[in-house]
């Protein structure tokens, strides 16, 4: 899991396009960035999307505020839209 989080963090450290709220939603931007780097992004029931790796799905939500639920992973984008951090789900 820590390797997945690190690779995802690398994507958001240098995203293919900057986040622009006039052009896309936060969720749409995160999904685009991950797909652009080869991640398999799928729909998820109780999250914004899931990342599939080696037969396992990890659910993630995208927000600009501090996450309260730790059962899913989070991509937290700061208010400027220039920085994002990836938080692993709690087991």
PDB file of N, CA and C in Angstrom:
ATOM      1  N   UNK A   1       0.814  -1.201   0.000  1.00  0.00           N
ATOM      2  CA  UNK A   1       0.000   0.000   0.000  1.00  0.00           C
ATOM      3  C   UNK A   1       0.858   1.266   0.000  1.00  0.00           C
ATOM      4  N   UNK A   2       1.930   1.255   0.783  1.00  0.00           N
ATOM      5  CA  UNK A   2       2.766   2.453   0.857  1.00  0.00           C
ATOM      6  C   UNK A   2       3.411   2.775  -0.491  1.00  0.00           C
ATOM      7  N   UNK A   3       3.694   1.739  -1.284  1.00  0.00           N
ATOM      8  CA  UNK A   3       4.275   1.981  -2.602  1.00  0.00           C
ATOM      9  C   UNK A   3       3.254   2.651  -3.521  1.00  0.00           C
ATOM     10  N   UNK A   4       2.000   2.192  -3.472  1.00  0.00           N
ATOM     11  CA  UNK A   4       0.937   2.805  -4.271  1.00  0.00           C
ATOM     12  C   UNK A   4       0.781   4.273  -3.887  1.00  0.00           C
ATOM     13  N   UNK A   5       0.753   4.560  -2.599  1.00  0.00           N
ATOM     14  CA  UNK A   5       0.580   5.935  -2.132  1.00  0.00           C
ATOM     15  C   UNK A   5       1.743   6.806  -2.595  1.00  0.00           C
ATOM     16  N   UNK A   6       2.956   6.277  -2.530  1.00  0.00           N
ATOM     17  CA  UNK A   6       4.130   7.042  -2.957  1.00  0.00           C
ATOM     18  C   UNK A   6       4.086   7.350  -4.451  1.00  0.00           C
ATOM     19  N   UNK A   7       3.714   6.370  -5.258  1.00  0.00           N
ATOM     20  CA  UNK A   7       3.635   6.588  -6.706  1.00  0.00           C
ATOM     21  C   UNK A   7       2.533   7.595  -7.027  1.00  0.00           C
ATOM     22  N   UNK A   8       1.405   7.485  -6.329  1.00  0.00           N
ATOM     23  CA  UNK A   8       0.325   8.455  -6.534  1.00  0.00           C
ATOM     24  C   UNK A   8       0.780   9.849  -6.117  1.00  0.00           C
ATOM     25  N   UNK A   9       1.515   9.947  -5.012  1.00  0.00           N
ATOM     26  CA  UNK A   9       2.011  11.253  -4.561  1.00  0.00           C
ATOM     27  C   UNK A   9       2.921  11.863  -5.614  1.00  0.00           C
ATOM     28  N   UNK A  10       3.744  11.035  -6.261  1.00  0.00           N
ATOM     29  CA  UNK A  10       4.619  11.524  -7.327  1.00  0.00           C
ATOM     30  C   UNK A  10       3.812  12.142  -8.464  1.00  0.00           C
ATOM     31  N   UNK A  11       2.659  11.551  -8.786  1.00  0.00           N
ATOM     32  CA  UNK A  11       1.790  12.093  -9.840  1.00  0.00           C
ATOM     33  C   UNK A  11       1.342  13.498  -9.455  1.00  0.00           C
ATOM     34  N   UNK A  12       0.910  13.668  -8.209  1.00  0.00           N
ATOM     35  CA  UNK A  12       0.375  14.963  -7.796  1.00  0.00           C
ATOM     36  C   UNK A  12       1.467  15.970  -7.435  1.00  0.00           C
ATOM     37  N   UNK A  13       2.699  15.516  -7.252  1.00  0.00           N
ATOM     38  CA  UNK A  13       3.814  16.444  -7.082  1.00  0.00           C
ATOM     39  C   UNK A  13       4.121  17.140  -8.405  1.00  0.00           C
ATOM     40  N   UNK A  14       3.896  16.433  -9.509  1.00  0.00           N
ATOM     41  CA  UNK A  14       4.117  16.980 -10.853  1.00  0.00           C
ATOM     42  C   UNK A  14       2.947  16.575 -11.748  1.00  0.00           C
ATOM     43  N   UNK A  15       1.762  17.168 -11.539  1.00  0.00           N
ATOM     44  CA  UNK A  15       0.595  16.758 -12.328  1.00  0.00           C
ATOM     45  C   UNK A  15       0.756  17.128 -13.804  1.00  0.00           C
ATOM     46  N   UNK A  16       0.121  16.355 -14.701  1.00  0.00           N
ATOM     47  CA  UNK A  16       0.229  16.641 -16.135  1.00  0.00           C
ATOM     48  C   UNK A  16      -0.407  17.979 -16.513  1.00  0.00           C
ATOM     49  N   UNK A  17      -1.436  18.395 -15.783  1.00  0.00           N
ATOM     50  CA  UNK A  17      -2.068  19.702 -15.967  1.00  0.00           C
ATOM     51  C   UNK A  17      -2.383  20.274 -14.581  1.00  0.00           C
ATOM     52  N   UNK A  18      -2.285  21.584 -14.415  1.00  0.00           N
ATOM     53  CA  UNK A  18      -2.642  22.164 -13.120  1.00  0.00           C
ATOM     54  C   UNK A  18      -4.156  22.123 -12.914  1.00  0.00           C
ATOM     55  N   UNK A  19      -4.567  22.101 -11.667  1.00  0.00           N
ATOM     56  CA  UNK A  19      -5.999  22.110 -11.365  1.00  0.00           C
ATOM     57  C   UNK A  19      -6.564  23.496 -11.659  1.00  0.00           C
ATOM     58  N   UNK A  20      -7.638  23.537 -12.435  1.00  0.00           N
ATOM     59  CA  UNK A  20      -8.309  24.784 -12.776  1.00  0.00           C
ATOM     60  C   UNK A  20      -9.802  24.575 -12.552  1.00  0.00           C
ATOM     61  N   UNK A  21     -10.360  25.125 -11.459  1.00  0.00           N
ATOM     62  CA  UNK A  21     -11.766  24.874 -11.150  1.00  0.00           C
ATOM     63  C   UNK A  21     -12.729  25.381 -12.213  1.00  0.00           C
ATOM     64  N   UNK A  22     -12.300  26.298 -13.072  1.00  0.00           N
ATOM     65  CA  UNK A  22     -13.176  26.783 -14.142  1.00  0.00           C
ATOM     66  C   UNK A  22     -13.344  25.741 -15.245  1.00  0.00           C
ATOM     67  N   UNK A  23     -12.378  24.831 -15.366  1.00  0.00           N
ATOM     68  CA  UNK A  23     -12.404  23.849 -16.452  1.00  0.00           C
ATOM     69  C   UNK A  23     -12.811  22.455 -16.035  1.00  0.00           C
ATOM     70  N   UNK A  24     -12.665  22.111 -14.746  1.00  0.00           N
ATOM     71  CA  UNK A  24     -12.932  20.736 -14.338  1.00  0.00           C
ATOM     72  C   UNK A  24     -13.237  20.664 -12.842  1.00  0.00           C
ATOM     73  N   UNK A  25     -13.862  19.572 -12.456  1.00  0.00           N
ATOM     74  CA  UNK A  25     -14.104  19.337 -11.034  1.00  0.00           C
ATOM     75  C   UNK A  25     -12.824  18.795 -10.406  1.00  0.00           C
ATOM     76  N   UNK A  26     -12.762  18.873  -9.103  1.00  0.00           N
ATOM     77  CA  UNK A  26     -11.605  18.336  -8.390  1.00  0.00           C
ATOM     78  C   UNK A  26     -11.467  16.840  -8.648  1.00  0.00           C
ATOM     79  N   UNK A  27     -12.578  16.119  -8.579  1.00  0.00           N
ATOM     80  CA  UNK A  27     -12.582  14.680  -8.835  1.00  0.00           C
ATOM     81  C   UNK A  27     -12.135  14.390 -10.273  1.00  0.00           C
ATOM     82  N   UNK A  28     -12.672  15.131 -11.217  1.00  0.00           N
ATOM     83  CA  UNK A  28     -12.304  14.937 -12.626  1.00  0.00           C
ATOM     84  C   UNK A  28     -10.831  15.181 -12.875  1.00  0.00           C
ATOM     85  N   UNK A  29     -10.287  16.220 -12.231  1.00  0.00           N
ATOM     86  CA  UNK A  29      -8.863  16.524 -12.380  1.00  0.00           C
ATOM     87  C   UNK A  29      -8.001  15.394 -11.818  1.00  0.00           C
ATOM     88  N   UNK A  30      -8.347  14.920 -10.624  1.00  0.00           N
ATOM     89  CA  UNK A  30      -7.566  13.836 -10.000  1.00  0.00           C
ATOM     90  C   UNK A  30      -7.616  12.573 -10.858  1.00  0.00           C
ATOM     91  N   UNK A  31      -8.799  12.237 -11.355  1.00  0.00           N
ATOM     92  CA  UNK A  31      -8.933  11.045 -12.198  1.00  0.00           C
ATOM     93  C   UNK A  31      -8.117  11.200 -13.489  1.00  0.00           C
ATOM     94  N   UNK A  32      -8.163  12.377 -14.099  1.00  0.00           N
ATOM     95  CA  UNK A  32      -7.392  12.619 -15.318  1.00  0.00           C
ATOM     96  C   UNK A  32      -5.893  12.449 -15.063  1.00  0.00           C
ATOM     97  N   UNK A  33      -5.407  13.059 -13.966  1.00  0.00           N
ATOM     98  CA  UNK A  33      -3.974  12.970 -13.644  1.00  0.00           C
ATOM     99  C   UNK A  33      -3.535  11.518 -13.488  1.00  0.00           C
ATOM    100  N   UNK A  34      -4.336  10.734 -12.781  1.00  0.00           N
ATOM    101  CA  UNK A  34      -3.980   9.332 -12.539  1.00  0.00           C
ATOM    102  C   UNK A  34      -4.055   8.504 -13.825  1.00  0.00           C
ATOM    103  N   UNK A  35      -5.098   8.699 -14.607  1.00  0.00           N
ATOM    104  CA  UNK A  35      -5.217   7.955 -15.878  1.00  0.00           C
ATOM    105  C   UNK A  35      -4.095   8.318 -16.834  1.00  0.00           C
ATOM    106  N   UNK A  36      -3.707   9.593 -16.844  1.00  0.00           N
ATOM    107  CA  UNK A  36      -2.630  10.049 -17.725  1.00  0.00           C
ATOM    108  C   UNK A  36      -1.321   9.331 -17.417  1.00  0.00           C
ATOM    109  N   UNK A  37      -1.133   8.938 -16.163  1.00  0.00           N
ATOM    110  CA  UNK A  37       0.088   8.241 -15.753  1.00  0.00           C
ATOM    111  C   UNK A  37      -0.076   6.728 -15.733  1.00  0.00           C
ATOM    112  N   UNK A  38      -1.191   6.216 -16.284  1.00  0.00           N
ATOM    113  CA  UNK A  38      -1.328   4.778 -16.455  1.00  0.00           C
ATOM    114  C   UNK A  38      -2.072   4.047 -15.353  1.00  0.00           C
ATOM    115  N   UNK A  39      -2.634   4.753 -14.397  1.00  0.00           N
ATOM    116  CA  UNK A  39      -3.406   4.087 -13.346  1.00  0.00           C
ATOM    117  C   UNK A  39      -4.745   3.620 -13.894  1.00  0.00           C
ATOM    118  N   UNK A  40      -5.226   2.492 -13.395  1.00  0.00           N
ATOM    119  CA  UNK A  40      -6.537   1.988 -13.756  1.00  0.00           C
ATOM    120  C   UNK A  40      -7.537   2.554 -12.753  1.00  0.00           C
ATOM    121  N   UNK A  41      -8.286   3.561 -13.181  1.00  0.00           N
ATOM    122  CA  UNK A  41      -9.244   4.252 -12.313  1.00  0.00           C
ATOM    123  C   UNK A  41     -10.633   3.721 -12.614  1.00  0.00           C
ATOM    124  N   UNK A  42     -11.326   3.262 -11.575  1.00  0.00           N
ATOM    125  CA  UNK A  42     -12.660   2.682 -11.738  1.00  0.00           C
ATOM    126  C   UNK A  42     -13.643   3.357 -10.797  1.00  0.00           C
ATOM    127  N   UNK A  43     -14.920   3.162 -11.071  1.00  0.00           N
ATOM    128  CA  UNK A  43     -15.936   3.715 -10.174  1.00  0.00           C
ATOM    129  C   UNK A  43     -15.923   2.936  -8.865  1.00  0.00           C
ATOM    130  N   UNK A  44     -16.363   3.589  -7.809  1.00  0.00           N
ATOM    131  CA  UNK A  44     -16.408   2.967  -6.483  1.00  0.00           C
ATOM    132  C   UNK A  44     -17.735   3.323  -5.832  1.00  0.00           C
ATOM    133  N   UNK A  45     -18.216   2.420  -5.013  1.00  0.00           N
ATOM    134  CA  UNK A  45     -19.524   2.599  -4.404  1.00  0.00           C
ATOM    135  C   UNK A  45     -19.551   3.699  -3.341  1.00  0.00           C
ATOM    136  N   UNK A  46     -18.615   3.672  -2.409  1.00  0.00           N
ATOM    137  CA  UNK A  46     -18.626   4.628  -1.305  1.00  0.00           C
ATOM    138  C   UNK A  46     -17.449   5.591  -1.353  1.00  0.00           C
ATOM    139  N   UNK A  47     -17.017   5.933  -2.555  1.00  0.00           N
ATOM    140  CA  UNK A  47     -15.890   6.842  -2.720  1.00  0.00           C
ATOM    141  C   UNK A  47     -16.009   7.522  -4.080  1.00  0.00           C
ATOM    142  N   UNK A  48     -15.099   8.447  -4.361  1.00  0.00           N
ATOM    143  CA  UNK A  48     -15.120   9.119  -5.657  1.00  0.00           C
ATOM    144  C   UNK A  48     -14.673   8.189  -6.783  1.00  0.00           C
ATOM    145  N   UNK A  49     -13.672   7.353  -6.494  1.00  0.00           N
ATOM    146  CA  UNK A  49     -13.184   6.375  -7.466  1.00  0.00           C
ATOM    147  C   UNK A  49     -12.295   5.375  -6.749  1.00  0.00           C
ATOM    148  N   UNK A  50     -11.894   4.342  -7.466  1.00  0.00           N
ATOM    149  CA  UNK A  50     -10.990   3.330  -6.917  1.00  0.00           C
ATOM    150  C   UNK A  50      -9.828   3.127  -7.876  1.00  0.00           C
ATOM    151  N   UNK A  51      -8.676   2.823  -7.321  1.00  0.00           N
ATOM    152  CA  UNK A  51      -7.486   2.484  -8.102  1.00  0.00           C
ATOM    153  C   UNK A  51      -7.322   0.972  -8.010  1.00  0.00           C
ATOM    154  N   UNK A  52      -7.210   0.321  -9.164  1.00  0.00           N
ATOM    155  CA  UNK A  52      -7.023  -1.128  -9.195  1.00  0.00           C
ATOM    156  C   UNK A  52      -5.558  -1.454  -9.427  1.00  0.00           C
ATOM    157  N   UNK A  53      -5.030  -2.318  -8.564  1.00  0.00           N
ATOM    158  CA  UNK A  53      -3.656  -2.800  -8.718  1.00  0.00           C
ATOM    159  C   UNK A  53      -3.620  -4.268  -8.336  1.00  0.00           C
ATOM    160  N   UNK A  54      -3.127  -5.091  -9.224  1.00  0.00           N
ATOM    161  CA  UNK A  54      -2.953  -6.527  -8.960  1.00  0.00           C
ATOM    162  C   UNK A  54      -4.204  -7.168  -8.350  1.00  0.00           C
ATOM    163  N   UNK A  55      -5.348  -6.861  -8.910  1.00  0.00           N
ATOM    164  CA  UNK A  55      -6.584  -7.480  -8.456  1.00  0.00           C
ATOM    165  C   UNK A  55      -7.200  -6.854  -7.226  1.00  0.00           C
ATOM    166  N   UNK A  56      -6.553  -5.862  -6.635  1.00  0.00           N
ATOM    167  CA  UNK A  56      -7.098  -5.195  -5.453  1.00  0.00           C
ATOM    168  C   UNK A  56      -7.569  -3.804  -5.836  1.00  0.00           C
ATOM    169  N   UNK A  57      -8.661  -3.380  -5.195  1.00  0.00           N
ATOM    170  CA  UNK A  57      -9.174  -2.026  -5.403  1.00  0.00           C
ATOM    171  C   UNK A  57      -8.973  -1.216  -4.132  1.00  0.00           C
ATOM    172  N   UNK A  58      -8.477  -0.018  -4.290  1.00  0.00           N
ATOM    173  CA  UNK A  58      -8.330   0.892  -3.163  1.00  0.00           C
ATOM    174  C   UNK A  58      -9.167   2.129  -3.460  1.00  0.00           C
ATOM    175  N   UNK A  59     -10.105   2.429  -2.567  1.00  0.00           N
ATOM    176  CA  UNK A  59     -11.025   3.545  -2.765  1.00  0.00           C
ATOM    177  C   UNK A  59     -10.396   4.855  -2.311  1.00  0.00           C
ATOM    178  N   UNK A  60     -10.697   5.928  -3.064  1.00  0.00           N
ATOM    179  CA  UNK A  60     -10.194   7.262  -2.743  1.00  0.00           C
ATOM    180  C   UNK A  60     -11.293   8.292  -2.896  1.00  0.00           C
ATOM    181  N   UNK A  61     -11.180   9.324  -2.092  1.00  0.00           N
ATOM    182  CA  UNK A  61     -12.035  10.503  -2.211  1.00  0.00           C
ATOM    183  C   UNK A  61     -11.122  11.706  -2.410  1.00  0.00           C
ATOM    184  N   UNK A  62     -11.682  12.738  -3.034  1.00  0.00           N
ATOM    185  CA  UNK A  62     -10.916  13.949  -3.313  1.00  0.00           C
ATOM    186  C   UNK A  62     -11.586  15.106  -2.575  1.00  0.00           C
ATOM    187  N   UNK A  63     -10.783  15.945  -1.922  1.00  0.00           N
ATOM    188  CA  UNK A  63     -11.335  17.050  -1.146  1.00  0.00           C
ATOM    189  C   UNK A  63     -10.353  18.208  -1.090  1.00  0.00           C
ATOM    190  N   UNK A  64     -10.852  19.359  -0.649  1.00  0.00           N
ATOM    191  CA  UNK A  64      -9.979  20.495  -0.385  1.00  0.00           C
ATOM    192  C   UNK A  64      -9.964  20.823   1.102  1.00  0.00           C
ATOM    193  N   UNK A  65     -10.590  19.977   1.916  1.00  0.00           N
ATOM    194  CA  UNK A  65     -10.581  20.179   3.364  1.00  0.00           C
ATOM    195  C   UNK A  65     -10.003  18.946   4.040  1.00  0.00           C
ATOM    196  N   UNK A  66      -9.802  19.027   5.329  1.00  0.00           N
ATOM    197  CA  UNK A  66      -9.231  17.887   6.054  1.00  0.00           C
ATOM    198  C   UNK A  66     -10.223  16.728   6.077  1.00  0.00           C
ATOM    199  N   UNK A  67      -9.784  15.531   5.727  1.00  0.00           N
ATOM    200  CA  UNK A  67     -10.690  14.373   5.730  1.00  0.00           C
ATOM    201  C   UNK A  67     -11.053  13.946   7.147  1.00  0.00           C
ATOM    202  N   UNK A  68     -12.276  13.469   7.297  1.00  0.00           N
ATOM    203  CA  UNK A  68     -12.725  13.009   8.617  1.00  0.00           C
ATOM    204  C   UNK A  68     -12.792  11.484   8.679  1.00  0.00           C
ATOM    205  N   UNK A  69     -13.045  10.856   7.549  1.00  0.00           N
ATOM    206  CA  UNK A  69     -13.190   9.405   7.488  1.00  0.00           C
ATOM    207  C   UNK A  69     -11.875   8.806   6.993  1.00  0.00           C
ATOM    208  N   UNK A  70     -11.342   7.825   7.716  1.00  0.00           N
ATOM    209  CA  UNK A  70     -10.055   7.252   7.316  1.00  0.00           C
ATOM    210  C   UNK A  70     -10.200   5.855   6.711  1.00  0.00           C
ATOM    211  N   UNK A  71     -11.431   5.427   6.436  1.00  0.00           N
ATOM    212  CA  UNK A  71     -11.613   4.099   5.827  1.00  0.00           C
ATOM    213  C   UNK A  71     -11.277   4.108   4.345  1.00  0.00           C
ATOM    214  N   UNK A  72     -11.359   5.272   3.709  1.00  0.00           N
ATOM    215  CA  UNK A  72     -10.947   5.389   2.315  1.00  0.00           C
ATOM    216  C   UNK A  72      -9.668   6.209   2.269  1.00  0.00           C
ATOM    217  N   UNK A  73      -8.974   6.124   1.162  1.00  0.00           N
ATOM    218  CA  UNK A  73      -7.818   6.982   0.961  1.00  0.00           C
ATOM    219  C   UNK A  73      -8.306   8.361   0.534  1.00  0.00           C
ATOM    220  N   UNK A  74      -7.447   9.334   0.657  1.00  0.00           N
ATOM    221  CA  UNK A  74      -7.822  10.706   0.317  1.00  0.00           C
ATOM    222  C   UNK A  74      -6.762  11.360  -0.541  1.00  0.00           C
ATOM    223  N   UNK A  75      -7.219  12.230  -1.431  1.00  0.00           N
ATOM    224  CA  UNK A  75      -6.346  13.135  -2.155  1.00  0.00           C
ATOM    225  C   UNK A  75      -6.803  14.523  -1.719  1.00  0.00           C
ATOM    226  N   UNK A  76      -5.957  15.198  -0.947  1.00  0.00           N
ATOM    227  CA  UNK A  76      -6.309  16.497  -0.382  1.00  0.00           C
ATOM    228  C   UNK A  76      -5.568  17.568  -1.178  1.00  0.00           C
ATOM    229  N   UNK A  77      -6.336  18.415  -1.854  1.00  0.00           N
ATOM    230  CA  UNK A  77      -5.775  19.478  -2.678  1.00  0.00           C
ATOM    231  C   UNK A  77      -5.890  20.781  -1.895  1.00  0.00           C
ATOM    232  N   UNK A  78      -4.787  21.536  -1.812  1.00  0.00           N
ATOM    233  CA  UNK A  78      -4.853  22.795  -1.059  1.00  0.00           C
ATOM    234  C   UNK A  78      -5.700  23.820  -1.806  1.00  0.00           C
ATOM    235  N   UNK A  79      -6.050  24.899  -1.119  1.00  0.00           N
ATOM    236  CA  UNK A  79      -6.975  25.894  -1.669  1.00  0.00           C
ATOM    237  C   UNK A  79      -6.471  26.512  -2.974  1.00  0.00           C
ATOM    238  N   UNK A  80      -5.160  26.628  -3.124  1.00  0.00           N
ATOM    239  CA  UNK A  80      -4.606  27.218  -4.348  1.00  0.00           C
ATOM    240  C   UNK A  80      -4.700  26.252  -5.531  1.00  0.00           C
ATOM    241  N   UNK A  81      -4.878  24.967  -5.237  1.00  0.00           N
ATOM    242  CA  UNK A  81      -4.933  23.959  -6.300  1.00  0.00           C
ATOM    243  C   UNK A  81      -3.572  23.568  -6.822  1.00  0.00           C
ATOM    244  N   UNK A  82      -2.509  24.046  -6.189  1.00  0.00           N
ATOM    245  CA  UNK A  82      -1.160  23.774  -6.687  1.00  0.00           C
ATOM    246  C   UNK A  82      -0.488  22.591  -6.016  1.00  0.00           C
ATOM    247  N   UNK A  83      -0.972  22.205  -4.850  1.00  0.00           N
ATOM    248  CA  UNK A  83      -0.359  21.098  -4.121  1.00  0.00           C
ATOM    249  C   UNK A  83      -1.438  20.112  -3.696  1.00  0.00           C
ATOM    250  N   UNK A  84      -1.096  18.835  -3.747  1.00  0.00           N
ATOM    251  CA  UNK A  84      -2.021  17.802  -3.297  1.00  0.00           C
ATOM    252  C   UNK A  84      -1.222  16.759  -2.521  1.00  0.00           C
ATOM    253  N   UNK A  85      -1.846  16.197  -1.512  1.00  0.00           N
ATOM    254  CA  UNK A  85      -1.196  15.109  -0.787  1.00  0.00           C
ATOM    255  C   UNK A  85      -2.113  13.909  -0.780  1.00  0.00           C
ATOM    256  N   UNK A  86      -1.515  12.744  -0.825  1.00  0.00           N
ATOM    257  CA  UNK A  86      -2.253  11.486  -0.864  1.00  0.00           C
ATOM    258  C   UNK A  86      -2.155  10.857   0.516  1.00  0.00           C
ATOM    259  N   UNK A  87      -3.320  10.497   1.064  1.00  0.00           N
ATOM    260  CA  UNK A  87      -3.381   9.877   2.388  1.00  0.00           C
ATOM    261  C   UNK A  87      -3.892   8.455   2.232  1.00  0.00           C
ATOM    262  N   UNK A  88      -3.159   7.517   2.786  1.00  0.00           N
ATOM    263  CA  UNK A  88      -3.533   6.096   2.687  1.00  0.00           C
ATOM    264  C   UNK A  88      -4.744   5.797   3.580  1.00  0.00           C
ATOM    265  N   UNK A  89      -5.574   4.845   3.148  1.00  0.00           N
ATOM    266  CA  UNK A  89      -6.677   4.435   4.012  1.00  0.00           C
ATOM    267  C   UNK A  89      -6.148   3.658   5.220  1.00  0.00           C
ATOM    268  N   UNK A  90      -6.854   3.775   6.322  1.00  0.00           N
ATOM    269  CA  UNK A  90      -6.483   3.018   7.522  1.00  0.00           C
ATOM    270  C   UNK A  90      -6.980   1.580   7.371  1.00  0.00           C
ATOM    271  N   UNK A  91      -6.191   0.603   7.781  1.00  0.00           N
ATOM    272  CA  UNK A  91      -6.640  -0.789   7.643  1.00  0.00           C
ATOM    273  C   UNK A  91      -7.775  -1.125   8.590  1.00  0.00           C
TER     274      UNK A  91
END
